[in-house]
Amino acid sequence: MNSAITWSAPLLMLPGAALLILSTASRYARLHDELHHWEGRAQTQLTGSIFVNLLQRARAFRDALVALYLSVSLFVVSGLVGALTQQWPQLSARLVVALTAAAGFAVLVASALLMREVALSLVVVEAHIQSIDRSTLS
């Protein structure tokens, strides 16, 4: 494999990870807005299950963002290591593949955490729907 392709491949994955970071950060901000919504209401309206759910979602977002930031760091390090070790093609290829695989694993972990958050957010949506007075919908 061409050494320039080897070390530049991880750098080509950066925009995908950056897009995941952008969308995750936006969803995390929306969760923060929801917490402010609940903060203005009486304590009795925020049930224990909704509070626990919001906390679990916040942790999932945090963990996903950490994994995504780690993946970006690993993609960059992989590209830099590959570029700096071009004189030793076998070593360069091994290091780049290992670091890129670690970065890919971090994206996979972040994706799993985001899938968990989506499932958790459904619980809150269902709770909101159940709290709506059905007579106001008629």
Protein backbone atom coordinates (compact mmCIF):
# COMPACT_ATOMS: atom_id res chain seq x y z
CA MET A 1 0.00 0.00 0.00
CA ASN A 2 1.22 3.50 -0.79
CA SER A 3 2.62 5.09 2.40
CA ALA A 4 0.92 8.43 1.69
CA ILE A 5 -2.43 6.67 1.50
CA THR A 6 -1.69 4.76 4.69
CA TRP A 7 -1.09 7.80 6.86
CA SER A 8 -3.67 10.05 5.20
CA ALA A 9 -6.55 7.55 5.45
CA PRO A 10 -7.21 8.23 9.17
CA LEU A 11 -7.26 11.97 8.45
CA LEU A 12 -10.01 11.38 5.88
CA MET A 13 -12.17 9.96 8.69
CA LEU A 14 -11.98 13.16 10.74
CA PRO A 15 -14.97 14.90 9.08
CA GLY A 16 -17.25 11.98 9.96
CA ALA A 17 -16.17 12.04 13.60
CA ALA A 18 -16.50 15.83 13.65
CA LEU A 19 -20.06 15.59 12.32
CA LEU A 20 -20.93 13.12 15.07
CA ILE A 21 -19.44 15.50 17.63
CA LEU A 22 -21.47 18.40 16.25
CA SER A 23 -24.76 16.52 16.30
CA THR A 24 -24.08 15.00 19.73
CA ALA A 25 -23.16 18.37 21.23
CA SER A 26 -26.36 19.83 19.80
CA ARG A 27 -28.45 17.02 21.30
CA TYR A 28 -26.64 17.46 24.62
CA ALA A 29 -27.53 21.17 24.58
CA ARG A 30 -31.16 20.22 23.96
CA LEU A 31 -31.03 17.96 27.04
CA HIS A 32 -29.66 20.91 29.00
CA ASP A 33 -32.63 22.99 27.84
CA GLU A 34 -34.98 20.24 28.98
CA LEU A 35 -33.35 20.27 32.41
CA HIS A 36 -33.94 24.02 32.63
CA HIS A 37 -37.58 23.38 31.71
CA TRP A 38 -37.94 20.97 34.62
CA GLU A 39 -36.01 23.26 36.95
CA GLY A 40 -38.73 25.90 36.69
CA ARG A 41 -41.48 23.50 37.72
CA ALA A 42 -42.53 22.29 41.13
CA GLN A 43 -40.43 19.44 42.52
CA THR A 44 -43.44 17.14 42.57
CA GLN A 45 -43.76 17.23 38.78
CA LEU A 46 -40.26 15.84 38.22
CA THR A 47 -40.76 12.22 39.16
CA GLY A 48 -37.87 10.07 40.27
CA SER A 49 -37.95 8.00 37.08
CA ILE A 50 -37.75 11.05 34.80
CA PHE A 51 -34.93 12.50 36.90
CA VAL A 52 -32.98 9.23 36.73
CA ASN A 53 -33.64 9.03 32.99
CA LEU A 54 -32.36 12.56 32.37
CA LEU A 55 -29.27 11.80 34.42
CA GLN A 56 -28.63 8.60 32.46
CA ARG A 57 -29.02 10.49 29.19
CA ALA A 58 -26.61 13.19 30.32
CA ARG A 59 -24.03 10.56 31.24
CA ALA A 60 -24.50 8.78 27.91
CA PHE A 61 -23.93 12.05 26.07
CA ARG A 62 -20.85 12.83 28.13
CA ASP A 63 -19.39 9.39 27.56
CA ALA A 64 -20.18 9.53 23.83
CA LEU A 65 -18.53 12.94 23.50
CA VAL A 66 -15.43 11.71 25.35
CA ALA A 67 -15.23 8.68 23.03
CA LEU A 68 -15.66 10.90 19.96
CA TYR A 69 -12.99 13.34 21.13
CA LEU A 70 -10.72 10.36 21.77
CA SER A 71 -11.37 9.07 18.27
CA VAL A 72 -10.48 12.43 16.75
CA SER A 73 -7.27 12.48 18.77
CA LEU A 74 -6.39 8.96 17.67
CA PHE A 75 -7.13 9.72 14.01
CA VAL A 76 -4.84 12.75 14.16
CA VAL A 77 -2.08 10.89 16.02
CA SER A 78 -2.38 8.03 13.55
CA GLY A 79 -1.92 10.40 10.62
CA LEU A 80 1.02 12.14 12.28
CA VAL A 81 2.74 8.89 13.24
CA GLY A 82 2.27 7.60 9.71
CA ALA A 83 3.69 10.77 8.20
CA LEU A 84 6.67 10.81 10.57
CA THR A 85 7.52 7.13 10.08
CA GLN A 86 7.31 6.95 6.28
CA GLN A 87 10.95 5.89 6.08
CA TRP A 88 10.00 2.61 7.78
CA PRO A 89 6.99 1.45 5.75
CA GLN A 90 6.31 -1.75 7.69
CA LEU A 91 6.42 -0.02 11.08
CA SER A 92 4.45 2.91 9.73
CA ALA A 93 1.69 0.70 8.35
CA ARG A 94 1.40 -1.30 11.57
CA LEU A 95 1.23 1.78 13.77
CA VAL A 96 -1.27 3.54 11.53
CA VAL A 97 -3.52 0.49 11.29
CA ALA A 98 -3.42 -0.05 15.07
CA LEU A 99 -4.18 3.59 15.89
CA THR A 100 -6.87 3.83 13.22
CA ALA A 101 -8.49 0.65 14.56
CA ALA A 102 -8.46 2.13 18.08
CA ALA A 103 -10.07 5.31 16.74
CA GLY A 104 -12.69 3.28 14.89
CA PHE A 105 -13.43 1.38 18.09
CA ALA A 106 -13.92 4.69 19.93
CA VAL A 107 -16.44 5.77 17.26
CA LEU A 108 -18.20 2.41 17.65
CA VAL A 109 -18.41 2.90 21.44
CA ALA A 110 -19.75 6.43 20.96
CA SER A 111 -22.36 5.15 18.51
CA ALA A 112 -23.49 2.51 21.00
CA LEU A 113 -23.79 5.15 23.71
CA LEU A 114 -25.83 7.38 21.41
CA MET A 115 -28.14 4.46 20.57
CA ARG A 116 -28.62 3.98 24.32
CA GLU A 117 -29.44 7.66 24.73
CA VAL A 118 -32.04 7.46 21.96
CA ALA A 119 -33.75 4.61 23.79
CA LEU A 120 -33.63 6.57 27.05
CA SER A 121 -35.10 9.67 25.42
CA LEU A 122 -38.12 7.63 24.36
CA VAL A 123 -38.92 7.08 28.04
CA VAL A 124 -39.11 10.84 28.60
CA VAL A 125 -41.21 11.36 25.47
CA GLU A 126 -43.63 8.67 26.62
CA ALA A 127 -43.86 10.28 30.07
CA HIS A 128 -44.63 13.66 28.48
CA ILE A 129 -47.33 12.11 26.29
CA GLN A 130 -48.93 10.35 29.24
CA SER A 131 -49.01 13.59 31.23
CA ILE A 132 -50.94 15.45 28.53
CA ASP A 133 -54.58 15.86 29.41
CA ARG A 134 -56.34 14.00 26.62
CA SER A 135 -59.39 16.23 26.92
CA THR A 136 -57.36 19.19 25.65
CA LEU A 137 -56.55 17.27 22.47
CA SER A 138 -60.22 16.96 21.40
